[in-house]
Amino acid sequence: MDNILPAIILIAIIVGGWYLLRPRVVFMIRYRGGKPRVVRGRLTESALRAIDDICQQSDVQLGSITALPIGNRQIRLKFTGNIPSGCQQQLRNMALAGSMNDIRLSPPR
């Protein structure tokens, strides 16, 4: 019985540390069957439509796009799944050109 309290405290410290140290996500979009779904963060309809238009041109069926904050009001895009490199580059260009400003300024959900 005496060992339970320290174990609970240790677990709480580990979980709290993981929560504080995990990367902050601006948004995450998952593609399943060619349909986008925002699973984290918040996007305006126009931003989601612009991203989806680019992905539809490349026939993206399965994958995810995650935006991570870097520096001052900038994001880094991370891709998983079958998102072709040309599509990835178009999305990076869109982010670099500032077309995603409304995304960066949206508060997380």
N, C-alpha and C. Protein backbone atom coordinates (compact mmCIF):
# COMPACT_ATOMS: atom_id res chain seq x y z
N MET A 1 0.82 -1.19 0.00
CA MET A 1 0.00 0.00 0.00
C MET A 1 0.87 1.26 0.00
N ASP A 2 2.02 1.21 0.66
CA ASP A 2 2.89 2.37 0.73
C ASP A 2 3.53 2.72 -0.62
N ASN A 3 3.61 1.74 -1.52
CA ASN A 3 4.24 1.97 -2.83
C ASN A 3 3.27 2.53 -3.86
N ILE A 4 1.99 2.56 -3.57
CA ILE A 4 1.00 3.02 -4.55
C ILE A 4 1.07 4.52 -4.76
N LEU A 5 1.16 5.30 -3.70
CA LEU A 5 1.18 6.77 -3.83
C LEU A 5 2.38 7.25 -4.64
N PRO A 6 3.61 6.78 -4.38
CA PRO A 6 4.73 7.21 -5.22
C PRO A 6 4.56 6.80 -6.68
N ALA A 7 3.97 5.63 -6.93
CA ALA A 7 3.75 5.19 -8.31
C ALA A 7 2.75 6.11 -9.01
N ILE A 8 1.69 6.49 -8.32
CA ILE A 8 0.69 7.40 -8.89
C ILE A 8 1.32 8.76 -9.18
N ILE A 9 2.14 9.26 -8.26
CA ILE A 9 2.81 10.55 -8.46
C ILE A 9 3.75 10.47 -9.65
N LEU A 10 4.49 9.38 -9.77
CA LEU A 10 5.41 9.21 -10.89
C LEU A 10 4.66 9.18 -12.22
N ILE A 11 3.56 8.46 -12.28
CA ILE A 11 2.75 8.40 -13.49
C ILE A 11 2.22 9.78 -13.84
N ALA A 12 1.75 10.53 -12.84
CA ALA A 12 1.23 11.89 -13.08
C ALA A 12 2.33 12.80 -13.63
N ILE A 13 3.54 12.68 -13.12
CA ILE A 13 4.67 13.49 -13.59
C ILE A 13 5.01 13.14 -15.04
N ILE A 14 5.02 11.85 -15.37
CA ILE A 14 5.33 11.41 -16.73
C ILE A 14 4.27 11.91 -17.70
N VAL A 15 3.01 11.74 -17.35
CA VAL A 15 1.92 12.18 -18.24
C VAL A 15 1.95 13.70 -18.40
N GLY A 16 2.16 14.42 -17.30
CA GLY A 16 2.24 15.88 -17.37
C GLY A 16 3.42 16.35 -18.21
N GLY A 17 4.56 15.70 -18.07
CA GLY A 17 5.73 16.04 -18.87
C GLY A 17 5.51 15.78 -20.34
N TRP A 18 4.89 14.65 -20.65
CA TRP A 18 4.59 14.34 -22.05
C TRP A 18 3.66 15.41 -22.63
N TYR A 19 2.64 15.78 -21.88
CA TYR A 19 1.68 16.77 -22.35
C TYR A 19 2.35 18.12 -22.61
N LEU A 20 3.25 18.53 -21.74
CA LEU A 20 3.92 19.83 -21.89
C LEU A 20 4.96 19.83 -23.01
N LEU A 21 5.59 18.68 -23.25
CA LEU A 21 6.69 18.62 -24.22
C LEU A 21 6.26 18.20 -25.62
N ARG A 22 5.03 17.75 -25.80
CA ARG A 22 4.61 17.32 -27.13
C ARG A 22 4.54 18.53 -28.06
N PRO A 23 4.78 18.31 -29.35
CA PRO A 23 4.75 19.44 -30.28
C PRO A 23 3.35 20.03 -30.40
N ARG A 24 3.29 21.34 -30.43
CA ARG A 24 2.02 22.02 -30.61
C ARG A 24 1.64 21.92 -32.09
N VAL A 25 0.41 21.63 -32.37
CA VAL A 25 -0.06 21.48 -33.75
C VAL A 25 -1.00 22.63 -34.06
N VAL A 26 -0.75 23.33 -35.18
CA VAL A 26 -1.64 24.40 -35.62
C VAL A 26 -2.90 23.79 -36.21
N PHE A 27 -2.72 22.80 -37.08
CA PHE A 27 -3.86 22.05 -37.60
C PHE A 27 -3.38 20.71 -38.13
N MET A 28 -4.31 19.77 -38.25
CA MET A 28 -4.04 18.48 -38.88
C MET A 28 -5.25 18.11 -39.72
N ILE A 29 -4.99 17.76 -40.98
CA ILE A 29 -6.03 17.31 -41.90
C ILE A 29 -5.73 15.87 -42.25
N ARG A 30 -6.75 15.01 -42.16
CA ARG A 30 -6.59 13.62 -42.57
C ARG A 30 -7.42 13.37 -43.82
N TYR A 31 -6.83 12.67 -44.76
CA TYR A 31 -7.53 12.25 -45.97
C TYR A 31 -7.83 10.76 -45.87
N ARG A 32 -9.09 10.42 -46.02
CA ARG A 32 -9.52 9.03 -46.08
C ARG A 32 -10.50 8.93 -47.25
N GLY A 33 -10.20 8.08 -48.20
CA GLY A 33 -11.08 7.95 -49.37
C GLY A 33 -11.18 9.23 -50.18
N GLY A 34 -10.14 10.04 -50.15
CA GLY A 34 -10.12 11.29 -50.92
C GLY A 34 -10.88 12.44 -50.28
N LYS A 35 -11.38 12.24 -49.07
CA LYS A 35 -12.16 13.27 -48.37
C LYS A 35 -11.34 13.85 -47.22
N PRO A 36 -11.20 15.18 -47.15
CA PRO A 36 -10.43 15.80 -46.06
C PRO A 36 -11.29 15.95 -44.81
N ARG A 37 -10.65 15.80 -43.66
CA ARG A 37 -11.31 16.04 -42.38
C ARG A 37 -10.32 16.72 -41.44
N VAL A 38 -10.69 17.85 -40.89
CA VAL A 38 -9.83 18.54 -39.92
C VAL A 38 -9.98 17.81 -38.59
N VAL A 39 -8.86 17.25 -38.10
CA VAL A 39 -8.92 16.49 -36.85
C VAL A 39 -8.31 17.24 -35.68
N ARG A 40 -7.50 18.24 -35.96
CA ARG A 40 -6.94 19.10 -34.90
C ARG A 40 -6.81 20.51 -35.42
N GLY A 41 -7.00 21.47 -34.54
CA GLY A 41 -6.87 22.86 -34.93
C GLY A 41 -8.13 23.37 -35.60
N ARG A 42 -7.99 24.50 -36.23
CA ARG A 42 -9.12 25.16 -36.88
C ARG A 42 -8.67 25.76 -38.20
N LEU A 43 -9.49 25.59 -39.22
CA LEU A 43 -9.21 26.14 -40.55
C LEU A 43 -10.45 26.89 -41.04
N THR A 44 -10.22 27.95 -41.80
CA THR A 44 -11.35 28.60 -42.45
C THR A 44 -11.77 27.72 -43.62
N GLU A 45 -13.00 27.88 -44.05
CA GLU A 45 -13.50 27.10 -45.19
C GLU A 45 -12.67 27.37 -46.44
N SER A 46 -12.29 28.63 -46.66
CA SER A 46 -11.51 28.96 -47.86
C SER A 46 -10.13 28.32 -47.82
N ALA A 47 -9.51 28.26 -46.65
CA ALA A 47 -8.18 27.64 -46.54
C ALA A 47 -8.29 26.13 -46.78
N LEU A 48 -9.30 25.50 -46.19
CA LEU A 48 -9.48 24.06 -46.39
C LEU A 48 -9.78 23.77 -47.86
N ARG A 49 -10.59 24.60 -48.49
CA ARG A 49 -10.92 24.42 -49.91
C ARG A 49 -9.67 24.55 -50.78
N ALA A 50 -8.81 25.53 -50.47
CA ALA A 50 -7.58 25.72 -51.25
C ALA A 50 -6.65 24.51 -51.10
N ILE A 51 -6.52 24.01 -49.88
CA ILE A 51 -5.68 22.83 -49.65
C ILE A 51 -6.28 21.63 -50.37
N ASP A 52 -7.60 21.46 -50.26
CA ASP A 52 -8.26 20.32 -50.90
C ASP A 52 -8.16 20.40 -52.42
N ASP A 53 -8.24 21.59 -53.00
CA ASP A 53 -8.10 21.73 -54.46
C ASP A 53 -6.74 21.21 -54.92
N ILE A 54 -5.70 21.56 -54.21
CA ILE A 54 -4.35 21.10 -54.56
C ILE A 54 -4.27 19.58 -54.42
N CYS A 55 -4.82 19.05 -53.33
CA CYS A 55 -4.76 17.61 -53.10
C CYS A 55 -5.61 16.83 -54.11
N GLN A 56 -6.73 17.40 -54.53
CA GLN A 56 -7.58 16.73 -55.52
C GLN A 56 -6.89 16.64 -56.88
N GLN A 57 -6.09 17.65 -57.22
CA GLN A 57 -5.34 17.62 -58.49
C GLN A 57 -4.37 16.44 -58.52
N SER A 58 -3.88 16.06 -57.34
CA SER A 58 -2.94 14.93 -57.25
C SER A 58 -3.64 13.64 -56.85
N ASP A 59 -4.96 13.67 -56.76
CA ASP A 59 -5.77 12.50 -56.41
C ASP A 59 -5.33 11.87 -55.09
N VAL A 60 -5.16 12.71 -54.07
CA VAL A 60 -4.78 12.21 -52.74
C VAL A 60 -5.97 11.45 -52.16
N GLN A 61 -5.73 10.20 -51.78
CA GLN A 61 -6.78 9.35 -51.22
C GLN A 61 -6.59 9.08 -49.73
N LEU A 62 -5.33 8.99 -49.31
CA LEU A 62 -5.04 8.61 -47.93
C LEU A 62 -3.78 9.32 -47.46
N GLY A 63 -3.85 9.96 -46.31
CA GLY A 63 -2.68 10.64 -45.77
C GLY A 63 -3.08 11.73 -44.81
N SER A 64 -2.09 12.45 -44.33
CA SER A 64 -2.37 13.56 -43.42
C SER A 64 -1.40 14.70 -43.67
N ILE A 65 -1.88 15.89 -43.36
CA ILE A 65 -1.08 17.11 -43.45
C ILE A 65 -1.13 17.75 -42.07
N THR A 66 0.02 17.95 -41.47
CA THR A 66 0.10 18.54 -40.15
C THR A 66 0.93 19.81 -40.23
N ALA A 67 0.41 20.89 -39.63
CA ALA A 67 1.13 22.17 -39.59
C ALA A 67 1.66 22.38 -38.19
N LEU A 68 2.97 22.55 -38.09
CA LEU A 68 3.63 22.79 -36.81
C LEU A 68 4.17 24.22 -36.79
N PRO A 69 4.02 24.92 -35.69
CA PRO A 69 4.51 26.30 -35.65
C PRO A 69 6.03 26.36 -35.57
N ILE A 70 6.62 27.29 -36.32
CA ILE A 70 8.05 27.57 -36.21
C ILE A 70 8.22 29.07 -36.25
N GLY A 71 9.11 29.58 -35.49
CA GLY A 71 9.40 31.01 -35.53
C GLY A 71 8.19 31.87 -35.27
N ASN A 72 8.25 33.05 -35.83
CA ASN A 72 7.20 34.04 -35.62
C ASN A 72 6.18 33.95 -36.76
N ARG A 73 5.02 33.42 -36.48
CA ARG A 73 3.91 33.34 -37.43
C ARG A 73 4.24 32.54 -38.69
N GLN A 74 5.04 31.51 -38.55
CA GLN A 74 5.35 30.62 -39.67
C GLN A 74 4.98 29.21 -39.28
N ILE A 75 4.73 28.38 -40.30
CA ILE A 75 4.43 26.98 -40.04
C ILE A 75 5.31 26.08 -40.88
N ARG A 76 5.51 24.87 -40.38
CA ARG A 76 6.21 23.82 -41.13
C ARG A 76 5.19 22.73 -41.38
N LEU A 77 5.09 22.27 -42.61
CA LEU A 77 4.14 21.24 -42.96
C LEU A 77 4.81 19.87 -42.92
N LYS A 78 4.11 18.92 -42.33
CA LYS A 78 4.58 17.54 -42.25
C LYS A 78 3.53 16.67 -42.94
N PHE A 79 3.99 15.75 -43.79
CA PHE A 79 3.09 14.93 -44.59
C PHE A 79 3.29 13.46 -44.29
N THR A 80 2.19 12.70 -44.30
CA THR A 80 2.26 11.25 -44.21
C THR A 80 1.29 10.67 -45.22
N GLY A 81 1.50 9.43 -45.58
CA GLY A 81 0.59 8.76 -46.52
C GLY A 81 1.03 8.95 -47.96
N ASN A 82 0.06 8.88 -48.87
CA ASN A 82 0.39 8.90 -50.30
C ASN A 82 0.24 10.28 -50.92
N ILE A 83 0.75 11.29 -50.25
CA ILE A 83 0.70 12.65 -50.79
C ILE A 83 1.95 12.86 -51.64
N PRO A 84 1.78 12.99 -52.97
CA PRO A 84 2.94 13.09 -53.86
C PRO A 84 3.80 14.32 -53.55
N SER A 85 5.08 14.21 -53.89
CA SER A 85 6.01 15.30 -53.58
C SER A 85 5.63 16.60 -54.28
N GLY A 86 5.06 16.53 -55.48
CA GLY A 86 4.63 17.74 -56.17
C GLY A 86 3.51 18.45 -55.43
N CYS A 87 2.60 17.68 -54.90
CA CYS A 87 1.50 18.23 -54.10
C CYS A 87 2.04 18.85 -52.82
N GLN A 88 2.98 18.14 -52.18
CA GLN A 88 3.60 18.67 -50.96
C GLN A 88 4.26 20.02 -51.23
N GLN A 89 4.97 20.11 -52.36
CA GLN A 89 5.67 21.36 -52.68
C GLN A 89 4.68 22.49 -52.94
N GLN A 90 3.57 22.20 -53.61
CA GLN A 90 2.57 23.23 -53.85
C GLN A 90 2.00 23.75 -52.52
N LEU A 91 1.76 22.84 -51.58
CA LEU A 91 1.24 23.25 -50.27
C LEU A 91 2.27 24.07 -49.50
N ARG A 92 3.55 23.68 -49.61
CA ARG A 92 4.61 24.47 -48.95
C ARG A 92 4.69 25.87 -49.56
N ASN A 93 4.59 25.94 -50.89
CA ASN A 93 4.62 27.24 -51.57
C ASN A 93 3.46 28.11 -51.11
N MET A 94 2.30 27.50 -50.96
CA MET A 94 1.12 28.23 -50.50
C MET A 94 1.36 28.78 -49.09
N ALA A 95 1.96 27.97 -48.24
CA ALA A 95 2.26 28.41 -46.87
C ALA A 95 3.31 29.53 -46.89
N LEU A 96 4.33 29.39 -47.72
CA LEU A 96 5.39 30.38 -47.80
C LEU A 96 4.89 31.71 -48.36
N ALA A 97 3.97 31.64 -49.31
CA ALA A 97 3.44 32.85 -49.94
C ALA A 97 2.51 33.62 -49.02
N GLY A 98 2.20 33.04 -47.87
CA GLY A 98 1.33 33.73 -46.93
C GLY A 98 -0.13 33.46 -47.17
N SER A 99 -0.43 32.52 -48.05
CA SER A 99 -1.83 32.19 -48.32
C SER A 99 -2.48 31.48 -47.15
N MET A 100 -1.69 31.09 -46.18
CA MET A 100 -2.24 30.39 -45.02
C MET A 100 -2.28 31.29 -43.79
N ASN A 101 -2.22 32.60 -43.98
CA ASN A 101 -2.25 33.51 -42.83
C ASN A 101 -3.48 33.31 -41.97
N ASP A 102 -4.63 33.08 -42.60
CA ASP A 102 -5.84 32.88 -41.82
C ASP A 102 -5.78 31.59 -41.00
N ILE A 103 -4.98 30.63 -41.47
CA ILE A 103 -4.80 29.39 -40.72
C ILE A 103 -3.98 29.66 -39.47
N ARG A 104 -2.86 30.35 -39.64
CA ARG A 104 -1.93 30.58 -38.53
C ARG A 104 -2.58 31.39 -37.40
N LEU A 105 -3.49 32.26 -37.76
CA LEU A 105 -4.07 33.15 -36.76
C LEU A 105 -5.30 32.53 -36.08
N SER A 106 -5.77 31.41 -36.59
CA SER A 106 -6.93 30.79 -35.98
C SER A 106 -6.56 30.13 -34.67
N PRO A 107 -7.32 30.34 -33.61
CA PRO A 107 -7.00 29.69 -32.33
C PRO A 107 -7.29 28.20 -32.42
N PRO A 108 -6.57 27.39 -31.65
CA PRO A 108 -6.83 25.94 -31.69
C PRO A 108 -8.20 25.61 -31.11
N ARG A 109 -8.76 24.50 -31.59
CA ARG A 109 -10.04 24.04 -31.08
C ARG A 109 -9.90 23.34 -29.77
